[in-house]
Amino acid sequence: MKKIILSTFVVLALSSCKKENQKIEDQTATTDSVSTPEPTSAPVALKMVTPQQASEFLGKKNDTLYVTNFFATWCGPCVREIPHFKNKIQELNGKPVKITFISLDNKNVWNTDVPRFVDEQGIRNNTVLLDGELLDGKFFSTNFKEWTGSAIPFTFMRKGDKTDETLGMITEEQLNDKISSLLK
């Protein structure tokens, strides 16, 4: 009789260990790194600049070449010239050249169309937002010789006291020539 009671006790003990072991395995399965997706890093938010901040940036005079392209997502020529700038960003990586895109899109698309566009184009890290409705004649006359804000795309380059302005679409050859000239 003792053997039967002892055998029953052992069987119960083993089966309860098995159930406890299954519970532990179930819990680890839900917290296992394989079954839990890694948190994805959110894209960098696009920075908004004021006309004053844009003027300060455009007026920087040092040994860095600043290439600033004013564009909008709906502008066909703007879209067609972006690959030229992207090529230069890659080519001049590590050199004293800073290429920046300033989006003049309406504020109502800053959180929808613009982020989607800059991600598709691969230029998020080089793009800032500027409310074009805040730009007045003084902004244009203070910062540029030729551009009155009447059309885009517009590309402004500055290195020290030397500047270059291109109204309208810039070809890859023109971009290369202008950058080479200002880097001399």
C-alpha atoms as a PDB file:
ATOM      1  CA  MET A   1       0.000   0.000   0.000  1.00  0.00           C
ATOM      2  CA  LYS A   2       2.859   2.298   0.818  1.00  0.00           C
ATOM      3  CA  LYS A   3       4.261   1.662  -2.669  1.00  0.00           C
ATOM      4  CA  ILE A   4       0.960   2.653  -4.329  1.00  0.00           C
ATOM      5  CA  ILE A   5       0.678   5.854  -2.301  1.00  0.00           C
ATOM      6  CA  LEU A   6       4.316   6.681  -2.918  1.00  0.00           C
ATOM      7  CA  SER A   7       3.954   5.990  -6.669  1.00  0.00           C
ATOM      8  CA  THR A   8       0.855   8.171  -6.875  1.00  0.00           C
ATOM      9  CA  PHE A   9       2.637  10.963  -5.037  1.00  0.00           C
ATOM     10  CA  VAL A  10       5.624  10.786  -7.423  1.00  0.00           C
ATOM     11  CA  VAL A  11       3.351  10.840 -10.498  1.00  0.00           C
ATOM     12  CA  LEU A  12       1.462  13.853  -9.163  1.00  0.00           C
ATOM     13  CA  ALA A  13       4.688  15.638  -8.346  1.00  0.00           C
ATOM     14  CA  LEU A  14       6.112  15.001 -11.817  1.00  0.00           C
ATOM     15  CA  SER A  15       2.941  16.065 -13.607  1.00  0.00           C
ATOM     16  CA  SER A  16       2.714  19.282 -11.606  1.00  0.00           C
ATOM     17  CA  CYS A  17       6.358  20.032 -12.434  1.00  0.00           C
ATOM     18  CA  LYS A  18       5.559  19.520 -16.106  1.00  0.00           C
ATOM     19  CA  LYS A  19       2.606  21.955 -15.904  1.00  0.00           C
ATOM     20  CA  GLU A  20       4.751  24.519 -14.058  1.00  0.00           C
ATOM     21  CA  ASN A  21       7.474  24.084 -16.665  1.00  0.00           C
ATOM     22  CA  GLN A  22       4.935  24.705 -19.469  1.00  0.00           C
ATOM     23  CA  LYS A  23       3.770  27.899 -17.742  1.00  0.00           C
ATOM     24  CA  ILE A  24       7.355  29.148 -17.527  1.00  0.00           C
ATOM     25  CA  GLU A  25       7.964  28.289 -21.195  1.00  0.00           C
ATOM     26  CA  ASP A  26       4.753  30.086 -22.204  1.00  0.00           C
ATOM     27  CA  GLN A  27       5.821  33.163 -20.261  1.00  0.00           C
ATOM     28  CA  THR A  28       9.284  33.206 -21.769  1.00  0.00           C
ATOM     29  CA  ALA A  29       7.842  32.792 -25.245  1.00  0.00           C
ATOM     30  CA  THR A  30       5.954  36.051 -24.869  1.00  0.00           C
ATOM     31  CA  THR A  31       9.020  37.934 -23.622  1.00  0.00           C
ATOM     32  CA  ASP A  32      11.581  36.224 -25.819  1.00  0.00           C
ATOM     33  CA  SER A  33      13.569  38.632 -27.984  1.00  0.00           C
ATOM     34  CA  VAL A  34      12.719  36.628 -31.088  1.00  0.00           C
ATOM     35  CA  SER A  35       8.992  36.993 -30.615  1.00  0.00           C
ATOM     36  CA  THR A  36       9.114  40.625 -29.438  1.00  0.00           C
ATOM     37  CA  PRO A  37       9.736  43.043 -32.304  1.00  0.00           C
ATOM     38  CA  GLU A  38      12.563  45.501 -31.863  1.00  0.00           C
ATOM     39  CA  PRO A  39      11.334  49.050 -31.406  1.00  0.00           C
ATOM     40  CA  THR A  40      11.873  50.956 -34.613  1.00  0.00           C
ATOM     41  CA  SER A  41      13.489  54.331 -34.358  1.00  0.00           C
ATOM     42  CA  ALA A  42      11.189  57.082 -35.529  1.00  0.00           C
ATOM     43  CA  PRO A  43      12.476  59.271 -38.343  1.00  0.00           C
ATOM     44  CA  VAL A  44      14.001  62.577 -37.363  1.00  0.00           C
ATOM     45  CA  ALA A  45      11.311  65.263 -37.273  1.00  0.00           C
ATOM     46  CA  LEU A  46      11.656  67.987 -39.855  1.00  0.00           C
ATOM     47  CA  LYS A  47      12.941  71.205 -38.348  1.00  0.00           C
ATOM     48  CA  MET A  48      10.931  74.386 -38.803  1.00  0.00           C
ATOM     49  CA  VAL A  49      12.876  77.614 -39.276  1.00  0.00           C
ATOM     50  CA  THR A  50      11.745  81.211 -39.080  1.00  0.00           C
ATOM     51  CA  PRO A  51      12.653  83.758 -41.747  1.00  0.00           C
ATOM     52  CA  GLN A  52      15.166  85.205 -39.249  1.00  0.00           C
ATOM     53  CA  GLN A  53      16.817  81.809 -38.748  1.00  0.00           C
ATOM     54  CA  ALA A  54      16.899  81.257 -42.514  1.00  0.00           C
ATOM     55  CA  SER A  55      18.556  84.669 -43.005  1.00  0.00           C
ATOM     56  CA  GLU A  56      21.182  83.874 -40.379  1.00  0.00           C
ATOM     57  CA  PHE A  57      21.911  80.550 -42.075  1.00  0.00           C
ATOM     58  CA  LEU A  58      22.068  82.112 -45.551  1.00  0.00           C
ATOM     59  CA  GLY A  59      24.453  84.802 -44.291  1.00  0.00           C
ATOM     60  CA  LYS A  60      27.079  82.469 -42.803  1.00  0.00           C
ATOM     61  CA  LYS A  61      30.519  83.503 -44.029  1.00  0.00           C
ATOM     62  CA  ASN A  62      33.249  80.986 -43.353  1.00  0.00           C
ATOM     63  CA  ASP A  63      35.251  78.365 -45.227  1.00  0.00           C
ATOM     64  CA  THR A  64      32.245  76.048 -45.651  1.00  0.00           C
ATOM     65  CA  LEU A  65      30.331  76.076 -48.920  1.00  0.00           C
ATOM     66  CA  TYR A  66      26.605  76.366 -48.183  1.00  0.00           C
ATOM     67  CA  VAL A  67      24.321  75.169 -50.977  1.00  0.00           C
ATOM     68  CA  THR A  68      20.685  75.966 -50.253  1.00  0.00           C
ATOM     69  CA  ASN A  69      17.877  74.812 -52.510  1.00  0.00           C
ATOM     70  CA  PHE A  70      14.381  76.273 -52.100  1.00  0.00           C
ATOM     71  CA  PHE A  71      11.740  73.829 -53.330  1.00  0.00           C
ATOM     72  CA  ALA A  72       8.189  72.528 -52.930  1.00  0.00           C
ATOM     73  CA  THR A  73       6.899  68.973 -53.238  1.00  0.00           C
ATOM     74  CA  TRP A  74       4.434  69.947 -55.988  1.00  0.00           C
ATOM     75  CA  CYS A  75       7.103  71.650 -58.165  1.00  0.00           C
ATOM     76  CA  GLY A  76       8.109  69.429 -61.113  1.00  0.00           C
ATOM     77  CA  PRO A  77      11.476  71.119 -61.848  1.00  0.00           C
ATOM     78  CA  CYS A  78      12.297  70.996 -58.117  1.00  0.00           C
ATOM     79  CA  VAL A  79      11.712  67.245 -58.049  1.00  0.00           C
ATOM     80  CA  ARG A  80      13.758  66.669 -61.211  1.00  0.00           C
ATOM     81  CA  GLU A  81      16.857  68.418 -59.830  1.00  0.00           C
ATOM     82  CA  ILE A  82      16.921  66.696 -56.415  1.00  0.00           C
ATOM     83  CA  PRO A  83      18.949  63.680 -57.684  1.00  0.00           C
ATOM     84  CA  HIS A  84      21.752  66.080 -58.752  1.00  0.00           C
ATOM     85  CA  PHE A  85      21.966  67.436 -55.208  1.00  0.00           C
ATOM     86  CA  LYS A  86      21.830  63.934 -53.719  1.00  0.00           C
ATOM     87  CA  ASN A  87      24.781  62.906 -55.900  1.00  0.00           C
ATOM     88  CA  LYS A  88      26.762  65.908 -54.626  1.00  0.00           C
ATOM     89  CA  ILE A  89      25.865  65.113 -51.006  1.00  0.00           C
ATOM     90  CA  GLN A  90      27.363  61.637 -51.447  1.00  0.00           C
ATOM     91  CA  GLU A  91      30.342  62.826 -53.479  1.00  0.00           C
ATOM     92  CA  LEU A  92      31.277  65.633 -51.067  1.00  0.00           C
ATOM     93  CA  ASN A  93      30.678  63.695 -47.853  1.00  0.00           C
ATOM     94  CA  GLY A  94      33.307  64.739 -45.307  1.00  0.00           C
ATOM     95  CA  LYS A  95      34.220  67.913 -47.191  1.00  0.00           C
ATOM     96  CA  PRO A  96      33.359  71.450 -45.957  1.00  0.00           C
ATOM     97  CA  VAL A  97      30.110  71.553 -47.950  1.00  0.00           C
ATOM     98  CA  LYS A  98      26.599  71.708 -46.499  1.00  0.00           C
ATOM     99  CA  ILE A  99      23.649  71.099 -48.841  1.00  0.00           C
ATOM    100  CA  THR A 100      20.258  72.073 -47.431  1.00  0.00           C
ATOM    101  CA  PHE A 101      16.776  71.876 -48.900  1.00  0.00           C
ATOM    102  CA  ILE A 102      14.247  74.449 -47.689  1.00  0.00           C
ATOM    103  CA  SER A 103      10.669  73.369 -48.260  1.00  0.00           C
ATOM    104  CA  LEU A 104       8.291  76.226 -49.031  1.00  0.00           C
ATOM    105  CA  ASP A 105       5.245  73.956 -48.999  1.00  0.00           C
ATOM    106  CA  ASN A 106       2.074  75.164 -47.252  1.00  0.00           C
ATOM    107  CA  LYS A 107       1.989  74.454 -43.530  1.00  0.00           C
ATOM    108  CA  ASN A 108      -1.077  72.227 -43.920  1.00  0.00           C
ATOM    109  CA  VAL A 109       1.111  69.533 -45.586  1.00  0.00           C
ATOM    110  CA  TRP A 110       4.137  69.802 -43.263  1.00  0.00           C
ATOM    111  CA  ASN A 111       3.089  66.694 -41.330  1.00  0.00           C
ATOM    112  CA  THR A 112       1.794  64.640 -44.271  1.00  0.00           C
ATOM    113  CA  ASP A 113       3.025  65.287 -47.815  1.00  0.00           C
ATOM    114  CA  VAL A 114       6.405  66.820 -46.988  1.00  0.00           C
ATOM    115  CA  PRO A 115       7.690  64.035 -44.678  1.00  0.00           C
ATOM    116  CA  ARG A 116       6.499  61.393 -47.140  1.00  0.00           C
ATOM    117  CA  PHE A 117       8.177  63.246 -50.039  1.00  0.00           C
ATOM    118  CA  VAL A 118      11.532  63.804 -48.319  1.00  0.00           C
ATOM    119  CA  ASP A 119      11.588  60.159 -47.221  1.00  0.00           C
ATOM    120  CA  GLU A 120      10.889  58.974 -50.778  1.00  0.00           C
ATOM    121  CA  GLN A 121      13.632  61.274 -52.070  1.00  0.00           C
ATOM    122  CA  GLY A 122      16.053  60.329 -49.278  1.00  0.00           C
ATOM    123  CA  ILE A 123      16.655  63.935 -48.206  1.00  0.00           C
ATOM    124  CA  ARG A 124      15.012  64.092 -44.767  1.00  0.00           C
ATOM    125  CA  ASN A 125      18.274  64.835 -42.937  1.00  0.00           C
ATOM    126  CA  ASN A 126      18.996  67.753 -45.270  1.00  0.00           C
ATOM    127  CA  THR A 127      15.535  69.365 -45.280  1.00  0.00           C
ATOM    128  CA  VAL A 128      14.006  72.145 -43.188  1.00  0.00           C
ATOM    129  CA  LEU A 129      10.567  73.770 -43.329  1.00  0.00           C
ATOM    130  CA  LEU A 130       9.983  77.486 -43.897  1.00  0.00           C
ATOM    131  CA  ASP A 131       6.567  79.126 -43.965  1.00  0.00           C
ATOM    132  CA  GLY A 132       6.626  80.964 -47.297  1.00  0.00           C
ATOM    133  CA  GLU A 133       3.712  83.147 -46.205  1.00  0.00           C
ATOM    134  CA  LEU A 134       6.032  84.822 -43.684  1.00  0.00           C
ATOM    135  CA  LEU A 135       8.528  85.872 -46.352  1.00  0.00           C
ATOM    136  CA  ASP A 136       8.335  89.494 -47.452  1.00  0.00           C
ATOM    137  CA  GLY A 137      10.243  91.747 -49.817  1.00  0.00           C
ATOM    138  CA  LYS A 138      12.753  92.591 -47.111  1.00  0.00           C
ATOM    139  CA  PHE A 139      13.669  88.910 -46.677  1.00  0.00           C
ATOM    140  CA  PHE A 140      14.450  88.609 -50.388  1.00  0.00           C
ATOM    141  CA  SER A 141      16.278  91.936 -50.791  1.00  0.00           C
ATOM    142  CA  THR A 142      18.373  91.292 -47.676  1.00  0.00           C
ATOM    143  CA  ASN A 143      19.477  87.789 -48.646  1.00  0.00           C
ATOM    144  CA  PHE A 144      19.617  87.734 -52.452  1.00  0.00           C
ATOM    145  CA  LYS A 145      20.713  89.876 -55.388  1.00  0.00           C
ATOM    146  CA  GLU A 146      18.281  88.445 -57.931  1.00  0.00           C
ATOM    147  CA  TRP A 147      15.590  86.296 -56.317  1.00  0.00           C
ATOM    148  CA  THR A 148      12.339  88.020 -55.394  1.00  0.00           C
ATOM    149  CA  GLY A 149      10.537  84.841 -54.374  1.00  0.00           C
ATOM    150  CA  SER A 150       8.448  84.835 -57.525  1.00  0.00           C
ATOM    151  CA  ALA A 151       9.408  81.313 -58.625  1.00  0.00           C
ATOM    152  CA  ILE A 152      11.080  78.112 -57.525  1.00  0.00           C
ATOM    153  CA  PRO A 153      13.290  76.162 -57.638  1.00  0.00           C
ATOM    154  CA  PHE A 154      15.950  78.561 -56.484  1.00  0.00           C
ATOM    155  CA  THR A 155      19.488  77.618 -55.452  1.00  0.00           C
ATOM    156  CA  PHE A 156      21.710  79.898 -53.404  1.00  0.00           C
ATOM    157  CA  MET A 157      25.373  79.159 -52.745  1.00  0.00           C
ATOM    158  CA  ARG A 158      27.744  80.948 -50.399  1.00  0.00           C
ATOM    159  CA  LYS A 159      31.335  80.444 -49.401  1.00  0.00           C
ATOM    160  CA  GLY A 160      32.740  83.337 -47.449  1.00  0.00           C
ATOM    161  CA  ASP A 161      31.908  86.495 -49.419  1.00  0.00           C
ATOM    162  CA  LYS A 162      31.375  84.675 -52.730  1.00  0.00           C
ATOM    163  CA  THR A 163      27.779  83.864 -53.700  1.00  0.00           C
ATOM    164  CA  ASP A 164      25.919  82.340 -56.613  1.00  0.00           C
ATOM    165  CA  GLU A 165      22.199  82.354 -57.405  1.00  0.00           C
ATOM    166  CA  THR A 166      20.310  80.120 -59.820  1.00  0.00           C
ATOM    167  CA  LEU A 167      16.643  80.760 -60.494  1.00  0.00           C
ATOM    168  CA  GLY A 168      14.933  77.788 -62.112  1.00  0.00           C
ATOM    169  CA  MET A 169      16.018  74.208 -62.477  1.00  0.00           C
ATOM    170  CA  ILE A 170      19.742  73.596 -62.259  1.00  0.00           C
ATOM    171  CA  THR A 171      21.313  70.851 -64.349  1.00  0.00           C
ATOM    172  CA  GLU A 172      23.809  68.432 -62.869  1.00  0.00           C
ATOM    173  CA  GLU A 173      26.567  69.958 -65.014  1.00  0.00           C
ATOM    174  CA  GLN A 174      25.700  73.485 -63.840  1.00  0.00           C
ATOM    175  CA  LEU A 175      25.633  72.332 -60.225  1.00  0.00           C
ATOM    176  CA  ASN A 176      29.024  70.644 -60.587  1.00  0.00           C
ATOM    177  CA  ASP A 177      30.558  73.712 -62.266  1.00  0.00           C
ATOM    178  CA  LYS A 178      29.190  76.171 -59.695  1.00  0.00           C
ATOM    179  CA  ILE A 179      30.285  74.060 -56.728  1.00  0.00           C
ATOM    180  CA  SER A 180      33.760  73.512 -58.241  1.00  0.00           C
ATOM    181  CA  SER A 181      34.118  77.242 -58.878  1.00  0.00           C
ATOM    182  CA  LEU A 182      33.179  78.174 -55.307  1.00  0.00           C
ATOM    183  CA  LEU A 183      35.407  75.496 -53.768  1.00  0.00           C
ATOM    184  CA  LYS A 184      38.528  76.948 -55.466  1.00  0.00           C
END
